[in-house]
N, C-alpha and C. Protein backbone atom coordinates (compact mmCIF):
# COMPACT_ATOMS: atom_id res chain seq x y z
N UNK A 1 0.45 -1.30 0.07
CA UNK A 1 -0.02 0.00 0.04
C UNK A 1 0.96 1.00 0.08
N UNK A 2 2.32 0.88 0.52
CA UNK A 2 2.67 1.93 0.71
C UNK A 2 3.88 2.61 -0.78
N UNK A 3 3.62 1.59 -1.35
CA UNK A 3 4.44 1.69 -2.68
C UNK A 3 3.12 2.58 -2.95
N UNK A 4 2.06 2.40 -3.80
CA UNK A 4 0.74 2.90 -4.07
C UNK A 4 0.64 4.22 -3.82
N UNK A 5 0.99 4.74 -2.48
CA UNK A 5 0.34 5.69 -2.40
C UNK A 5 1.89 6.84 -2.53
N UNK A 6 2.89 6.21 -2.21
CA UNK A 6 3.90 6.92 -2.00
C UNK A 6 4.92 6.84 -3.22
N UNK A 7 4.69 6.00 -3.82
CA UNK A 7 5.50 5.29 -5.71
C UNK A 7 5.82 6.20 -6.51
N UNK A 8 4.86 7.51 -6.81
CA UNK A 8 4.38 7.88 -7.91
C UNK A 8 4.52 7.37 -8.91
N UNK A 9 3.87 8.46 -10.04
CA UNK A 9 3.17 8.14 -11.18
C UNK A 9 3.73 7.03 -12.05
N UNK A 10 4.88 6.73 -12.24
CA UNK A 10 5.61 6.30 -13.42
C UNK A 10 5.44 4.74 -12.87
N UNK A 11 5.69 4.15 -11.29
CA UNK A 11 4.91 2.67 -10.78
C UNK A 11 3.59 2.42 -10.32
N UNK A 12 2.46 3.84 -10.34
CA UNK A 12 1.29 3.70 -10.08
C UNK A 12 0.67 2.00 -10.50
N UNK A 13 1.03 2.11 -11.95
CA UNK A 13 0.16 0.95 -12.13
C UNK A 13 0.29 -0.55 -12.07
N UNK A 14 1.80 -0.54 -11.99
CA UNK A 14 2.53 -1.93 -11.36
C UNK A 14 1.75 -2.24 -10.16
N UNK A 15 1.81 -0.92 -9.16
CA UNK A 15 2.06 -1.26 -7.52
C UNK A 15 0.30 -1.12 -7.54
N UNK A 16 -0.30 -0.47 -8.02
CA UNK A 16 -2.06 -0.98 -8.19
C UNK A 16 -2.43 -2.06 -8.33
N UNK A 17 -1.92 -2.52 -9.44
CA UNK A 17 -2.04 -3.96 -9.72
C UNK A 17 -1.58 -4.92 -8.53
N UNK A 18 -0.31 -4.68 -7.81
CA UNK A 18 -0.14 -5.79 -7.02
C UNK A 18 -0.80 -5.52 -6.03
N UNK A 19 -1.59 -4.34 -5.81
CA UNK A 19 -1.94 -3.81 -4.42
C UNK A 19 -3.74 -5.11 -4.21
N UNK A 20 -4.18 -4.57 -5.41
CA UNK A 20 -5.25 -5.90 -5.63
C UNK A 20 -4.42 -7.33 -5.82
N UNK A 21 -3.71 -7.50 -6.35
CA UNK A 21 -3.54 -8.66 -6.34
C UNK A 21 -3.24 -9.31 -4.98
N UNK A 22 -2.62 -8.31 -4.01
CA UNK A 22 -2.57 -8.83 -2.62
C UNK A 22 -3.91 -8.78 -1.76
N UNK A 23 -4.76 -8.38 -1.92
CA UNK A 23 -6.25 -8.08 -1.96
C UNK A 23 -7.03 -9.59 -2.04
N UNK A 24 -6.84 -10.03 -3.52
CA UNK A 24 -7.47 -10.83 -3.64
C UNK A 24 -7.30 -11.86 -3.54
N UNK A 25 -5.91 -12.23 -3.18
CA UNK A 25 -5.10 -13.75 -2.93
C UNK A 25 -5.65 -13.68 -1.06
N UNK A 26 -6.06 -12.68 -0.41
CA UNK A 26 -5.80 -12.61 1.09
C UNK A 26 -7.25 -13.22 1.05
N UNK A 27 -8.17 -12.80 0.07
CA UNK A 27 -9.60 -12.99 0.80
C UNK A 27 -9.66 -14.68 -0.49
N UNK A 28 -9.32 -15.48 -1.44
CA UNK A 28 -9.47 -16.55 -1.64
C UNK A 28 -8.80 -17.00 -0.57
N UNK A 29 -7.54 -16.88 -0.17
CA UNK A 29 -7.40 -17.76 1.21
C UNK A 29 -7.20 -17.78 2.33
N UNK A 30 -8.26 -17.01 2.51
CA UNK A 30 -9.34 -16.75 3.61
C UNK A 30 -10.70 -17.94 3.96
N UNK A 31 -11.48 -17.07 2.68
CA UNK A 31 -12.86 -17.43 2.35
C UNK A 31 -13.13 -18.98 1.30
N UNK A 32 -12.59 -18.60 0.37
CA UNK A 32 -13.18 -19.58 -0.77
C UNK A 32 -11.79 -20.93 -0.10
N UNK A 33 -10.35 -20.59 -0.45
CA UNK A 33 -9.90 -22.13 0.13
C UNK A 33 -10.38 -22.61 1.53
N UNK A 34 -10.67 -22.22 2.39
CA UNK A 34 -10.76 -22.85 3.78
C UNK A 34 -12.49 -23.08 3.79
N UNK A 35 -13.27 -22.47 2.57
CA UNK A 35 -14.84 -23.32 2.21
C UNK A 35 -14.30 -24.70 1.48
N UNK A 36 -13.65 -24.51 0.60
CA UNK A 36 -13.15 -25.88 -0.59
C UNK A 36 -12.85 -26.85 0.41
N UNK A 37 -12.22 -26.81 1.13
CA UNK A 37 -11.42 -27.86 1.86
C UNK A 37 -12.70 -28.59 2.91
N UNK A 38 -13.44 -27.67 3.18
CA UNK A 38 -14.92 -28.46 3.95
C UNK A 38 -15.62 -29.26 3.24
N UNK A 39 -16.20 -28.67 1.84
CA UNK A 39 -16.70 -29.19 1.17
C UNK A 39 -16.02 -30.70 0.47
N UNK A 40 -15.28 -30.25 0.18
CA UNK A 40 -14.43 -31.47 -0.32
C UNK A 40 -13.78 -32.78 0.57
N UNK A 41 -14.04 -32.40 1.99
CA UNK A 41 -13.95 -33.25 3.31
C UNK A 41 -12.39 -33.48 3.77
N UNK A 42 -12.29 -32.58 3.56
CA UNK A 42 -10.50 -32.72 4.18
C UNK A 42 -10.41 -32.92 5.19
N UNK A 43 -9.88 -34.10 5.82
CA UNK A 43 -9.52 -34.96 7.23
C UNK A 43 -7.75 -34.25 7.65
N UNK A 44 -7.78 -33.82 8.61
CA UNK A 44 -6.42 -33.70 9.31
C UNK A 44 -6.08 -34.94 9.25
N UNK A 45 -6.30 -35.73 10.02
CA UNK A 45 -6.01 -37.15 10.62
C UNK A 45 -5.47 -38.23 9.54
N UNK A 46 -6.43 -38.15 8.52
CA UNK A 46 -6.07 -38.43 7.25
C UNK A 46 -5.19 -38.19 6.42
N UNK A 47 -4.94 -36.56 6.05
CA UNK A 47 -3.72 -36.05 5.83
C UNK A 47 -2.44 -36.84 6.84
N UNK A 48 -2.45 -36.90 8.09
CA UNK A 48 -1.07 -37.31 8.57
C UNK A 48 -1.30 -38.45 8.53
N UNK A 49 -2.34 -39.58 8.88
CA UNK A 49 -1.75 -40.67 8.41
C UNK A 49 -0.92 -41.25 6.87
N UNK A 50 -1.46 -40.22 5.89
CA UNK A 50 -1.10 -40.76 4.89
C UNK A 50 0.68 -39.94 4.56
N UNK A 51 1.12 -38.67 5.72
CA UNK A 51 2.35 -38.73 5.27
C UNK A 51 2.96 -39.10 6.53
N UNK A 52 2.55 -39.92 7.36
CA UNK A 52 3.36 -41.54 7.96
C UNK A 52 3.45 -42.28 7.58
N UNK A 53 2.72 -42.43 6.57
CA UNK A 53 2.75 -43.54 5.80
C UNK A 53 3.70 -43.17 4.62
N UNK A 54 4.19 -42.24 4.02
CA UNK A 54 5.23 -41.89 2.65
C UNK A 54 6.67 -41.66 3.52
N UNK A 55 6.33 -41.43 4.96
CA UNK A 55 7.80 -41.21 5.77
C UNK A 55 8.58 -42.49 6.21
N UNK A 56 7.23 -43.60 6.04
CA UNK A 56 7.74 -44.78 6.96
C UNK A 56 7.84 -45.78 5.16
N UNK A 57 7.66 -45.52 4.54
CA UNK A 57 8.29 -46.22 2.82
C UNK A 57 9.46 -45.17 2.54
N UNK A 58 9.87 -43.83 2.74
CA UNK A 58 10.70 -43.42 2.67
C UNK A 58 12.08 -44.10 3.14
N UNK A 59 11.70 -43.67 4.14
CA UNK A 59 12.72 -44.67 5.53
C UNK A 59 13.04 -46.49 5.25
N UNK A 60 12.40 -46.42 4.41
CA UNK A 60 12.42 -48.15 4.07
C UNK A 60 13.54 -48.31 3.19
N UNK A 61 12.93 -47.53 1.91
CA UNK A 61 13.74 -47.50 0.74
C UNK A 61 15.09 -46.89 1.39
N UNK A 62 15.25 -45.89 2.12
CA UNK A 62 16.66 -45.33 2.84
C UNK A 62 17.49 -46.64 3.09
N UNK A 63 16.80 -47.41 3.65
CA UNK A 63 17.05 -48.55 4.93
C UNK A 63 17.98 -49.84 3.85
N UNK A 64 17.06 -49.82 2.55
CA UNK A 64 17.55 -50.62 1.47
C UNK A 64 18.57 -50.25 0.48
N UNK A 65 18.34 -49.20 0.61
CA UNK A 65 19.45 -48.47 -0.50
C UNK A 65 20.89 -48.53 0.36
N UNK A 66 21.08 -48.21 1.80
CA UNK A 66 22.19 -48.51 2.55
C UNK A 66 22.57 -50.05 2.32
N UNK A 67 21.67 -51.02 2.87
CA UNK A 67 22.09 -52.71 2.35
C UNK A 67 22.27 -52.61 1.28
N UNK A 68 22.17 -52.18 -0.18
CA UNK A 68 22.53 -52.18 -1.36
C UNK A 68 23.98 -52.03 -1.44
N UNK A 69 23.98 -50.70 -0.70
CA UNK A 69 25.57 -50.22 -1.13
C UNK A 69 26.71 -50.84 0.03
N UNK A 70 26.68 -51.08 1.17
CA UNK A 70 27.26 -51.84 1.99
C UNK A 70 27.52 -53.50 1.10
N UNK A 71 26.31 -53.84 0.24
CA UNK A 71 26.35 -55.11 0.03
C UNK A 71 25.55 -56.33 0.60
N UNK A 72 25.31 -56.06 1.59
CA UNK A 72 24.49 -56.85 2.07
C UNK A 72 23.18 -57.81 1.88
N UNK A 73 22.62 -57.02 0.33
CA UNK A 73 21.42 -57.57 -0.05
C UNK A 73 21.50 -58.52 -0.79
């Protein structure tokens, strides 16, 4: 907002567009994205379970890679 008001005539178009983008992005993040997550039935517990499974799989791959590099597989 400071750039918009104190930036001068040359940069006014850019700073106005930037300011509108910030307003629209904030509105979208607060009101639209949250509503969309609720409508899609997003579950934090399910998300955490999937992330834990991914982490477990990654650790298993790293373990197998280490065994392969040591020649124990």
